[in-house]
Amino acid sequence: MKLLRRILFQSMSIVLLSAILALAANAVRPDAIPLIHAESSAVDLAGGSDTIEIKDAAMLFASGRALFLDARTRLEYNYGHIRGALSLPPDEFGELYPLLAAKIRQAEILITYCDGERCPLSHELAEKLTAAGLVNVRVLVNGWTVWTREQLPTETGGASLHSAYPPPSALCPDCGQ
């Protein structure tokens, strides 16, 4: 009987220690799992800021509420980008936005990013999106660097890029392409 109690005590101690470690690990993750009734998102977008912190961007990514728009060149996008992000360099906005407008307008929140703390491309893209009448546009400053530093989901190649744009023949059926 003493042996059974000892085994039960040790088992309960291991379970309790495991639960404490799991809660601690969850508390330090940027995309922590809510333990009590979770609202649609704990991210507050009501502020007047046009930027967003990495922890909030990660939470919006995990909840599927945000669409990420890569403002870097298509070559940089192909080398690596935030999983599911669309390539929309500001200097190609006039050409590409009409092709992506339906998908972009469906998004609850738009997050633009480029790379480097002083990179102006994400701000330029955000301004163009706002000028096009879109709201809830945020800039993830130094986005690619902070996203990869946090080891958040990425992908390479142009699969998302090519699937987002129709083939040239769909754009100009009379051009014979």
N, C-alpha and C. Protein backbone atom coordinates (compact mmCIF):
# COMPACT_ATOMS: atom_id res chain seq x y z
N MET A 1 0.82 -1.20 0.00
CA MET A 1 0.00 0.00 0.00
C MET A 1 0.87 1.26 0.00
N LYS A 2 1.97 1.23 0.77
CA LYS A 2 2.88 2.37 0.80
C LYS A 2 3.50 2.59 -0.57
N LEU A 3 3.85 1.52 -1.24
CA LEU A 3 4.46 1.62 -2.56
C LEU A 3 3.48 2.25 -3.55
N LEU A 4 2.22 1.87 -3.48
CA LEU A 4 1.19 2.43 -4.36
C LEU A 4 1.03 3.92 -4.13
N ARG A 5 1.02 4.35 -2.88
CA ARG A 5 0.90 5.78 -2.57
C ARG A 5 2.11 6.55 -3.10
N ARG A 6 3.27 5.96 -2.93
CA ARG A 6 4.50 6.62 -3.39
C ARG A 6 4.49 6.79 -4.92
N ILE A 7 4.09 5.75 -5.62
CA ILE A 7 3.99 5.82 -7.08
C ILE A 7 2.95 6.86 -7.50
N LEU A 8 1.83 6.87 -6.84
CA LEU A 8 0.77 7.86 -7.14
C LEU A 8 1.27 9.28 -6.88
N PHE A 9 1.98 9.49 -5.77
CA PHE A 9 2.53 10.81 -5.45
C PHE A 9 3.53 11.25 -6.51
N GLN A 10 4.41 10.36 -6.92
CA GLN A 10 5.40 10.69 -7.94
C GLN A 10 4.73 11.00 -9.28
N SER A 11 3.74 10.22 -9.62
CA SER A 11 3.01 10.46 -10.87
C SER A 11 2.33 11.82 -10.87
N MET A 12 1.68 12.13 -9.77
CA MET A 12 0.99 13.42 -9.67
C MET A 12 2.00 14.57 -9.69
N SER A 13 3.16 14.38 -9.09
CA SER A 13 4.21 15.40 -9.09
C SER A 13 4.70 15.66 -10.51
N ILE A 14 4.89 14.59 -11.28
CA ILE A 14 5.34 14.73 -12.66
C ILE A 14 4.30 15.45 -13.50
N VAL A 15 3.04 15.10 -13.33
CA VAL A 15 1.96 15.75 -14.07
C VAL A 15 1.88 17.23 -13.71
N LEU A 16 1.99 17.56 -12.44
CA LEU A 16 1.93 18.95 -11.99
C LEU A 16 3.11 19.75 -12.52
N LEU A 17 4.31 19.18 -12.45
CA LEU A 17 5.49 19.85 -12.97
C LEU A 17 5.37 20.07 -14.48
N SER A 18 4.86 19.09 -15.20
CA SER A 18 4.66 19.23 -16.65
C SER A 18 3.67 20.35 -16.97
N ALA A 19 2.60 20.43 -16.21
CA ALA A 19 1.60 21.48 -16.43
C ALA A 19 2.20 22.86 -16.17
N ILE A 20 3.00 22.99 -15.13
CA ILE A 20 3.63 24.27 -14.81
C ILE A 20 4.59 24.68 -15.93
N LEU A 21 5.39 23.75 -16.41
CA LEU A 21 6.32 24.05 -17.50
C LEU A 21 5.57 24.41 -18.79
N ALA A 22 4.48 23.72 -19.09
CA ALA A 22 3.70 24.02 -20.28
C ALA A 22 3.08 25.42 -20.20
N LEU A 23 2.55 25.79 -19.04
CA LEU A 23 1.97 27.12 -18.86
C LEU A 23 3.04 28.21 -18.99
N ALA A 24 4.21 27.95 -18.45
CA ALA A 24 5.31 28.93 -18.55
C ALA A 24 5.74 29.10 -20.00
N ALA A 25 5.88 28.00 -20.73
CA ALA A 25 6.27 28.08 -22.14
C ALA A 25 5.21 28.82 -22.95
N ASN A 26 3.95 28.58 -22.68
CA ASN A 26 2.86 29.25 -23.38
C ASN A 26 2.87 30.75 -23.09
N ALA A 27 3.22 31.12 -21.87
CA ALA A 27 3.20 32.53 -21.47
C ALA A 27 4.25 33.36 -22.21
N VAL A 28 5.36 32.76 -22.60
CA VAL A 28 6.42 33.53 -23.25
C VAL A 28 6.35 33.49 -24.77
N ARG A 29 5.47 32.71 -25.36
CA ARG A 29 5.33 32.64 -26.82
C ARG A 29 4.56 33.84 -27.34
N PRO A 30 4.97 34.41 -28.50
CA PRO A 30 4.22 35.53 -29.05
C PRO A 30 2.83 35.12 -29.56
N ASP A 31 2.66 33.86 -29.89
CA ASP A 31 1.37 33.36 -30.37
C ASP A 31 0.75 32.41 -29.35
N ALA A 32 0.79 32.83 -28.08
CA ALA A 32 0.32 31.98 -26.98
C ALA A 32 -1.14 31.57 -27.17
N ILE A 33 -1.45 30.38 -26.72
CA ILE A 33 -2.81 29.87 -26.77
C ILE A 33 -3.58 30.46 -25.59
N PRO A 34 -4.72 31.10 -25.84
CA PRO A 34 -5.50 31.66 -24.73
C PRO A 34 -5.99 30.54 -23.82
N LEU A 35 -5.87 30.74 -22.53
CA LEU A 35 -6.25 29.70 -21.56
C LEU A 35 -7.68 29.87 -21.07
N ILE A 36 -8.16 31.08 -21.09
CA ILE A 36 -9.53 31.36 -20.68
C ILE A 36 -10.23 31.93 -21.89
N HIS A 37 -11.52 32.06 -21.85
CA HIS A 37 -12.32 32.54 -22.98
C HIS A 37 -11.55 33.52 -23.84
N ALA A 38 -11.30 33.14 -25.07
CA ALA A 38 -10.54 33.98 -26.00
C ALA A 38 -11.50 34.80 -26.84
N GLU A 39 -11.19 36.08 -26.94
CA GLU A 39 -11.94 36.93 -27.85
C GLU A 39 -11.45 36.65 -29.25
N SER A 40 -12.03 37.30 -30.26
CA SER A 40 -11.60 37.04 -31.63
C SER A 40 -10.11 37.32 -31.78
N SER A 41 -9.60 38.28 -31.06
CA SER A 41 -8.17 38.55 -31.02
C SER A 41 -7.93 39.57 -29.94
N ALA A 42 -6.82 39.43 -29.26
CA ALA A 42 -6.48 40.38 -28.22
C ALA A 42 -5.77 41.60 -28.80
N VAL A 43 -5.63 41.66 -30.10
CA VAL A 43 -4.93 42.76 -30.75
C VAL A 43 -5.88 43.95 -30.85
N ASP A 44 -5.41 45.09 -30.34
CA ASP A 44 -6.20 46.31 -30.38
C ASP A 44 -5.74 47.16 -31.56
N LEU A 45 -6.59 47.33 -32.55
CA LEU A 45 -6.26 48.13 -33.73
C LEU A 45 -6.87 49.52 -33.68
N ALA A 46 -7.45 49.88 -32.54
CA ALA A 46 -8.14 51.16 -32.44
C ALA A 46 -7.19 52.34 -32.36
N GLY A 47 -5.95 52.10 -31.99
CA GLY A 47 -5.00 53.20 -31.84
C GLY A 47 -4.73 53.91 -33.14
N GLY A 48 -4.14 55.08 -33.06
CA GLY A 48 -3.87 55.89 -34.24
C GLY A 48 -2.59 55.50 -34.97
N SER A 49 -1.87 54.52 -34.48
CA SER A 49 -0.60 54.15 -35.08
C SER A 49 -0.81 53.40 -36.39
N ASP A 50 0.12 53.61 -37.32
CA ASP A 50 0.06 52.88 -38.58
C ASP A 50 1.02 51.70 -38.58
N THR A 51 1.71 51.47 -37.45
CA THR A 51 2.63 50.34 -37.34
C THR A 51 2.04 49.27 -36.43
N ILE A 52 2.65 48.09 -36.46
CA ILE A 52 2.19 46.98 -35.64
C ILE A 52 3.42 46.27 -35.08
N GLU A 53 3.32 45.79 -33.87
CA GLU A 53 4.41 45.05 -33.23
C GLU A 53 4.39 43.61 -33.70
N ILE A 54 5.53 42.94 -33.62
CA ILE A 54 5.65 41.56 -34.08
C ILE A 54 4.71 40.63 -33.33
N LYS A 55 4.54 40.82 -32.03
CA LYS A 55 3.66 39.91 -31.27
C LYS A 55 2.21 40.02 -31.74
N ASP A 56 1.79 41.24 -32.08
CA ASP A 56 0.43 41.42 -32.58
C ASP A 56 0.28 40.87 -33.99
N ALA A 57 1.31 41.09 -34.82
CA ALA A 57 1.28 40.55 -36.19
C ALA A 57 1.24 39.02 -36.16
N ALA A 58 2.01 38.42 -35.26
CA ALA A 58 2.02 36.96 -35.14
C ALA A 58 0.66 36.44 -34.69
N MET A 59 0.02 37.15 -33.78
CA MET A 59 -1.29 36.73 -33.30
C MET A 59 -2.34 36.84 -34.41
N LEU A 60 -2.27 37.91 -35.20
CA LEU A 60 -3.20 38.08 -36.31
C LEU A 60 -2.95 37.03 -37.38
N PHE A 61 -1.69 36.69 -37.60
CA PHE A 61 -1.34 35.62 -38.55
C PHE A 61 -1.95 34.30 -38.08
N ALA A 62 -1.75 33.98 -36.80
CA ALA A 62 -2.23 32.71 -36.26
C ALA A 62 -3.76 32.61 -36.30
N SER A 63 -4.42 33.75 -36.12
CA SER A 63 -5.89 33.74 -36.13
C SER A 63 -6.46 33.81 -37.55
N GLY A 64 -5.59 34.06 -38.54
CA GLY A 64 -6.05 34.15 -39.92
C GLY A 64 -6.78 35.45 -40.24
N ARG A 65 -6.62 36.46 -39.39
CA ARG A 65 -7.33 37.72 -39.60
C ARG A 65 -6.60 38.69 -40.52
N ALA A 66 -5.31 38.45 -40.75
CA ALA A 66 -4.51 39.42 -41.51
C ALA A 66 -4.03 38.84 -42.82
N LEU A 67 -3.88 39.73 -43.80
CA LEU A 67 -3.23 39.40 -45.06
C LEU A 67 -1.93 40.19 -45.09
N PHE A 68 -0.83 39.49 -45.29
CA PHE A 68 0.48 40.12 -45.33
C PHE A 68 0.84 40.45 -46.77
N LEU A 69 1.36 41.65 -46.98
CA LEU A 69 1.74 42.12 -48.30
C LEU A 69 3.22 42.48 -48.28
N ASP A 70 3.98 41.77 -49.08
CA ASP A 70 5.43 41.95 -49.16
C ASP A 70 5.74 43.08 -50.13
N ALA A 71 6.35 44.14 -49.62
CA ALA A 71 6.66 45.32 -50.44
C ALA A 71 8.02 45.23 -51.10
N ARG A 72 8.77 44.18 -50.84
CA ARG A 72 10.10 44.03 -51.44
C ARG A 72 9.96 43.61 -52.91
N THR A 73 11.07 43.51 -53.60
CA THR A 73 11.05 43.10 -55.00
C THR A 73 10.55 41.66 -55.12
N ARG A 74 10.10 41.30 -56.30
CA ARG A 74 9.64 39.92 -56.51
C ARG A 74 10.77 38.92 -56.31
N LEU A 75 12.00 39.30 -56.65
CA LEU A 75 13.15 38.42 -56.45
C LEU A 75 13.34 38.13 -54.96
N GLU A 76 13.30 39.17 -54.14
CA GLU A 76 13.43 38.97 -52.69
C GLU A 76 12.28 38.12 -52.16
N TYR A 77 11.08 38.38 -52.65
CA TYR A 77 9.90 37.60 -52.26
C TYR A 77 10.13 36.12 -52.58
N ASN A 78 10.65 35.82 -53.76
CA ASN A 78 10.87 34.43 -54.15
C ASN A 78 11.91 33.75 -53.28
N TYR A 79 12.89 34.49 -52.78
CA TYR A 79 13.90 33.90 -51.90
C TYR A 79 13.32 33.56 -50.53
N GLY A 80 12.26 34.23 -50.13
CA GLY A 80 11.62 33.93 -48.86
C GLY A 80 10.66 35.03 -48.46
N HIS A 81 9.52 34.62 -47.92
CA HIS A 81 8.49 35.58 -47.50
C HIS A 81 7.64 34.96 -46.40
N ILE A 82 6.84 35.77 -45.76
CA ILE A 82 5.90 35.30 -44.75
C ILE A 82 4.91 34.37 -45.44
N ARG A 83 4.66 33.22 -44.81
CA ARG A 83 3.76 32.24 -45.42
C ARG A 83 2.41 32.87 -45.76
N GLY A 84 2.01 32.72 -47.01
CA GLY A 84 0.72 33.23 -47.47
C GLY A 84 0.74 34.68 -47.92
N ALA A 85 1.88 35.36 -47.77
CA ALA A 85 1.96 36.78 -48.16
C ALA A 85 1.89 36.91 -49.68
N LEU A 86 1.37 38.05 -50.12
CA LEU A 86 1.35 38.38 -51.54
C LEU A 86 2.44 39.38 -51.83
N SER A 87 3.03 39.28 -53.01
CA SER A 87 4.05 40.23 -53.43
C SER A 87 3.36 41.43 -54.08
N LEU A 88 3.62 42.61 -53.53
CA LEU A 88 3.04 43.84 -54.08
C LEU A 88 4.02 44.99 -53.89
N PRO A 89 5.10 45.01 -54.69
CA PRO A 89 6.05 46.12 -54.59
C PRO A 89 5.36 47.44 -54.94
N PRO A 90 5.64 48.51 -54.20
CA PRO A 90 4.97 49.79 -54.47
C PRO A 90 5.15 50.31 -55.88
N ASP A 91 6.33 50.04 -56.50
CA ASP A 91 6.52 50.55 -57.85
C ASP A 91 5.74 49.77 -58.90
N GLU A 92 5.12 48.65 -58.51
CA GLU A 92 4.27 47.88 -59.41
C GLU A 92 2.80 47.94 -58.97
N PHE A 93 2.49 48.84 -58.05
CA PHE A 93 1.14 48.91 -57.48
C PHE A 93 0.08 49.12 -58.56
N GLY A 94 0.30 50.07 -59.45
CA GLY A 94 -0.70 50.37 -60.49
C GLY A 94 -0.99 49.19 -61.38
N GLU A 95 0.00 48.37 -61.62
CA GLU A 95 -0.16 47.19 -62.48
C GLU A 95 -0.77 46.00 -61.72
N LEU A 96 -0.31 45.77 -60.49
CA LEU A 96 -0.69 44.56 -59.77
C LEU A 96 -1.92 44.69 -58.89
N TYR A 97 -2.15 45.89 -58.34
CA TYR A 97 -3.28 46.03 -57.42
C TYR A 97 -4.62 45.64 -58.04
N PRO A 98 -4.92 46.04 -59.27
CA PRO A 98 -6.20 45.62 -59.85
C PRO A 98 -6.36 44.09 -59.92
N LEU A 99 -5.25 43.38 -60.08
CA LEU A 99 -5.31 41.92 -60.13
C LEU A 99 -5.55 41.30 -58.76
N LEU A 100 -5.13 42.01 -57.72
CA LEU A 100 -5.22 41.47 -56.36
C LEU A 100 -6.32 42.12 -55.53
N ALA A 101 -6.97 43.13 -56.08
CA ALA A 101 -7.91 43.94 -55.30
C ALA A 101 -8.99 43.11 -54.60
N ALA A 102 -9.57 42.14 -55.28
CA ALA A 102 -10.64 41.35 -54.67
C ALA A 102 -10.13 40.62 -53.43
N LYS A 103 -8.98 40.00 -53.53
CA LYS A 103 -8.42 39.27 -52.39
C LYS A 103 -8.02 40.24 -51.27
N ILE A 104 -7.43 41.36 -51.63
CA ILE A 104 -6.99 42.33 -50.62
C ILE A 104 -8.19 42.92 -49.89
N ARG A 105 -9.24 43.23 -50.61
CA ARG A 105 -10.42 43.84 -49.99
C ARG A 105 -11.16 42.88 -49.05
N GLN A 106 -10.96 41.58 -49.21
CA GLN A 106 -11.59 40.60 -48.32
C GLN A 106 -10.92 40.53 -46.96
N ALA A 107 -9.68 40.97 -46.88
CA ALA A 107 -8.91 40.85 -45.64
C ALA A 107 -9.42 41.82 -44.59
N GLU A 108 -9.46 41.35 -43.36
CA GLU A 108 -9.86 42.20 -42.25
C GLU A 108 -8.77 43.22 -41.92
N ILE A 109 -7.52 42.77 -41.97
CA ILE A 109 -6.38 43.61 -41.64
C ILE A 109 -5.29 43.37 -42.67
N LEU A 110 -4.67 44.43 -43.14
CA LEU A 110 -3.56 44.34 -44.09
C LEU A 110 -2.29 44.74 -43.37
N ILE A 111 -1.26 43.90 -43.50
CA ILE A 111 0.03 44.20 -42.88
C ILE A 111 1.09 44.20 -43.97
N THR A 112 1.70 45.37 -44.18
CA THR A 112 2.76 45.49 -45.18
C THR A 112 4.10 45.31 -44.47
N TYR A 113 5.06 44.79 -45.22
CA TYR A 113 6.40 44.66 -44.64
C TYR A 113 7.44 44.70 -45.74
N CYS A 114 8.66 45.06 -45.34
CA CYS A 114 9.83 44.94 -46.19
C CYS A 114 10.96 44.50 -45.27
N ASP A 115 12.17 44.97 -45.44
CA ASP A 115 13.25 44.52 -44.59
C ASP A 115 14.16 45.70 -44.28
N GLY A 116 14.58 45.80 -43.06
CA GLY A 116 15.43 46.90 -42.62
C GLY A 116 14.59 47.95 -41.91
N GLU A 117 15.13 48.47 -40.81
CA GLU A 117 14.39 49.45 -40.02
C GLU A 117 14.08 50.72 -40.78
N ARG A 118 14.93 51.06 -41.74
CA ARG A 118 14.74 52.30 -42.50
C ARG A 118 14.15 52.04 -43.89
N CYS A 119 13.73 50.83 -44.16
CA CYS A 119 13.17 50.51 -45.46
C CYS A 119 11.85 51.26 -45.66
N PRO A 120 11.74 52.09 -46.69
CA PRO A 120 10.53 52.89 -46.89
C PRO A 120 9.43 52.16 -47.68
N LEU A 121 9.74 51.01 -48.25
CA LEU A 121 8.79 50.35 -49.16
C LEU A 121 7.48 49.97 -48.48
N SER A 122 7.53 49.45 -47.27
CA SER A 122 6.30 49.04 -46.60
C SER A 122 5.42 50.25 -46.28
N HIS A 123 6.05 51.38 -45.94
CA HIS A 123 5.29 52.60 -45.68
C HIS A 123 4.67 53.13 -46.98
N GLU A 124 5.44 53.09 -48.07
CA GLU A 124 4.92 53.52 -49.36
C GLU A 124 3.72 52.68 -49.78
N LEU A 125 3.84 51.36 -49.60
CA LEU A 125 2.73 50.47 -49.97
C LEU A 125 1.52 50.74 -49.10
N ALA A 126 1.72 50.95 -47.80
CA ALA A 126 0.61 51.25 -46.90
C ALA A 126 -0.10 52.53 -47.32
N GLU A 127 0.66 53.54 -47.72
CA GLU A 127 0.06 54.80 -48.17
C GLU A 127 -0.77 54.59 -49.43
N LYS A 128 -0.28 53.79 -50.35
CA LYS A 128 -1.02 53.52 -51.59
C LYS A 128 -2.31 52.75 -51.30
N LEU A 129 -2.24 51.80 -50.37
CA LEU A 129 -3.44 51.04 -50.01
C LEU A 129 -4.47 51.94 -49.34
N THR A 130 -4.01 52.82 -48.47
CA THR A 130 -4.91 53.76 -47.80
C THR A 130 -5.53 54.71 -48.82
N ALA A 131 -4.73 55.17 -49.76
CA ALA A 131 -5.24 56.06 -50.81
C ALA A 131 -6.27 55.35 -51.68
N ALA A 132 -6.17 54.02 -51.77
CA ALA A 132 -7.13 53.23 -52.55
C ALA A 132 -8.41 52.97 -51.75
N GLY A 133 -8.49 53.54 -50.54
CA GLY A 133 -9.72 53.44 -49.75
C GLY A 133 -9.73 52.30 -48.74
N LEU A 134 -8.61 51.66 -48.52
CA LEU A 134 -8.57 50.55 -47.57
C LEU A 134 -8.28 51.06 -46.16
N VAL A 135 -8.87 50.40 -45.18
CA VAL A 135 -8.65 50.74 -43.78
C VAL A 135 -7.98 49.56 -43.09
N ASN A 136 -7.58 49.75 -41.85
CA ASN A 136 -6.87 48.73 -41.08
C ASN A 136 -5.61 48.25 -41.81
N VAL A 137 -4.82 49.21 -42.27
CA VAL A 137 -3.54 48.92 -42.91
C VAL A 137 -2.46 49.23 -41.89
N ARG A 138 -1.59 48.28 -41.63
CA ARG A 138 -0.51 48.45 -40.67
C ARG A 138 0.82 48.08 -41.31
N VAL A 139 1.89 48.66 -40.80
CA VAL A 139 3.25 48.39 -41.27
C VAL A 139 4.00 47.63 -40.18
N LEU A 140 4.57 46.50 -40.56
CA LEU A 140 5.45 45.76 -39.66
C LEU A 140 6.87 46.22 -39.97
N VAL A 141 7.38 47.14 -39.16
CA VAL A 141 8.69 47.73 -39.40
C VAL A 141 9.78 46.66 -39.27
N ASN A 142 10.72 46.66 -40.24
CA ASN A 142 11.79 45.66 -40.28
C ASN A 142 11.19 44.27 -40.32
N GLY A 143 10.08 44.15 -41.01
CA GLY A 143 9.22 42.96 -40.97
C GLY A 143 9.89 41.64 -41.24
N TRP A 144 10.61 41.52 -42.34
CA TRP A 144 11.18 40.23 -42.69
C TRP A 144 12.20 39.79 -41.64
N THR A 145 13.03 40.71 -41.17
CA THR A 145 14.03 40.38 -40.17
C THR A 145 13.39 39.94 -38.85
N VAL A 146 12.43 40.71 -38.36
CA VAL A 146 11.83 40.34 -37.06
C VAL A 146 11.00 39.06 -37.18
N TRP A 147 10.36 38.85 -38.32
CA TRP A 147 9.55 37.64 -38.53
C TRP A 147 10.45 36.41 -38.50
N THR A 148 11.56 36.46 -39.22
CA THR A 148 12.46 35.30 -39.25
C THR A 148 13.20 35.13 -37.93
N ARG A 149 13.52 36.22 -37.25
CA ARG A 149 14.17 36.12 -35.94
C ARG A 149 13.27 35.39 -34.94
N GLU A 150 11.97 35.61 -35.03
CA GLU A 150 11.02 34.94 -34.15
C GLU A 150 10.68 33.52 -34.62
N GLN A 151 11.27 33.12 -35.74
CA GLN A 151 11.08 31.79 -36.33
C GLN A 151 9.60 31.51 -36.61
N LEU A 152 8.94 32.52 -37.16
CA LEU A 152 7.54 32.38 -37.54
C LEU A 152 7.47 31.80 -38.95
N PRO A 153 6.30 31.29 -39.37
CA PRO A 153 6.19 30.57 -40.65
C PRO A 153 6.57 31.39 -41.87
N THR A 154 7.42 30.79 -42.70
CA THR A 154 7.86 31.40 -43.96
C THR A 154 7.76 30.36 -45.07
N GLU A 155 7.93 30.84 -46.27
CA GLU A 155 7.99 29.95 -47.42
C GLU A 155 8.84 30.62 -48.49
N THR A 156 9.28 29.84 -49.44
CA THR A 156 10.10 30.37 -50.53
C THR A 156 9.40 30.12 -51.85
N GLY A 157 9.94 30.71 -52.90
CA GLY A 157 9.38 30.50 -54.22
C GLY A 157 8.23 31.42 -54.50
N GLY A 158 7.74 31.31 -55.71
CA GLY A 158 6.67 32.19 -56.15
C GLY A 158 5.33 31.52 -56.23
N ALA A 159 5.11 30.40 -55.52
CA ALA A 159 3.84 29.68 -55.63
C ALA A 159 2.67 30.60 -55.29
N SER A 160 2.79 31.33 -54.18
CA SER A 160 1.71 32.24 -53.81
C SER A 160 1.58 33.35 -54.84
N LEU A 161 2.73 33.79 -55.34
CA LEU A 161 2.74 34.87 -56.33
C LEU A 161 2.02 34.45 -57.60
N HIS A 162 2.40 33.29 -58.15
CA HIS A 162 1.82 32.87 -59.43
C HIS A 162 0.34 32.52 -59.30
N SER A 163 -0.06 31.98 -58.17
CA SER A 163 -1.47 31.63 -58.02
C SER A 163 -2.32 32.87 -57.79
N ALA A 164 -1.70 33.97 -57.36
CA ALA A 164 -2.46 35.18 -57.07
C ALA A 164 -2.76 35.98 -58.33
N TYR A 165 -1.93 35.84 -59.37
CA TYR A 165 -2.09 36.63 -60.57
C TYR A 165 -2.63 35.75 -61.70
N PRO A 166 -3.59 36.24 -62.45
CA PRO A 166 -4.10 35.47 -63.58
C PRO A 166 -3.05 35.41 -64.68
N PRO A 167 -3.12 34.41 -65.55
CA PRO A 167 -2.18 34.34 -66.66
C PRO A 167 -2.38 35.53 -67.60
N PRO A 168 -1.33 35.91 -68.36
CA PRO A 168 -1.45 37.07 -69.27
C PRO A 168 -2.63 36.95 -70.24
N SER A 169 -2.95 35.74 -70.69
CA SER A 169 -4.06 35.58 -71.63
C SER A 169 -5.39 36.00 -71.03
N ALA A 170 -5.51 35.89 -69.70
CA ALA A 170 -6.75 36.30 -69.05
C ALA A 170 -6.84 37.82 -68.98
N LEU A 171 -5.68 38.48 -69.00
CA LEU A 171 -5.67 39.94 -68.93
C LEU A 171 -5.94 40.58 -70.28
N CYS A 172 -5.46 39.90 -71.33
CA CYS A 172 -5.60 40.46 -72.67
C CYS A 172 -5.94 39.32 -73.62
N PRO A 173 -7.20 38.89 -73.70
CA PRO A 173 -7.56 37.75 -74.53
C PRO A 173 -7.31 37.96 -76.02
N ASP A 174 -7.25 39.21 -76.46
CA ASP A 174 -7.04 39.50 -77.88
C ASP A 174 -5.58 39.64 -78.27
N CYS A 175 -4.69 39.54 -77.26
CA CYS A 175 -3.26 39.75 -77.54
C CYS A 175 -2.60 38.51 -78.11
N GLY A 176 -3.25 37.37 -78.05
CA GLY A 176 -2.71 36.14 -78.60
C GLY A 176 -1.63 35.51 -77.76
N GLN A 177 -1.58 35.86 -76.48
CA GLN A 177 -0.58 35.25 -75.59
C GLN A 177 -1.12 34.03 -74.92
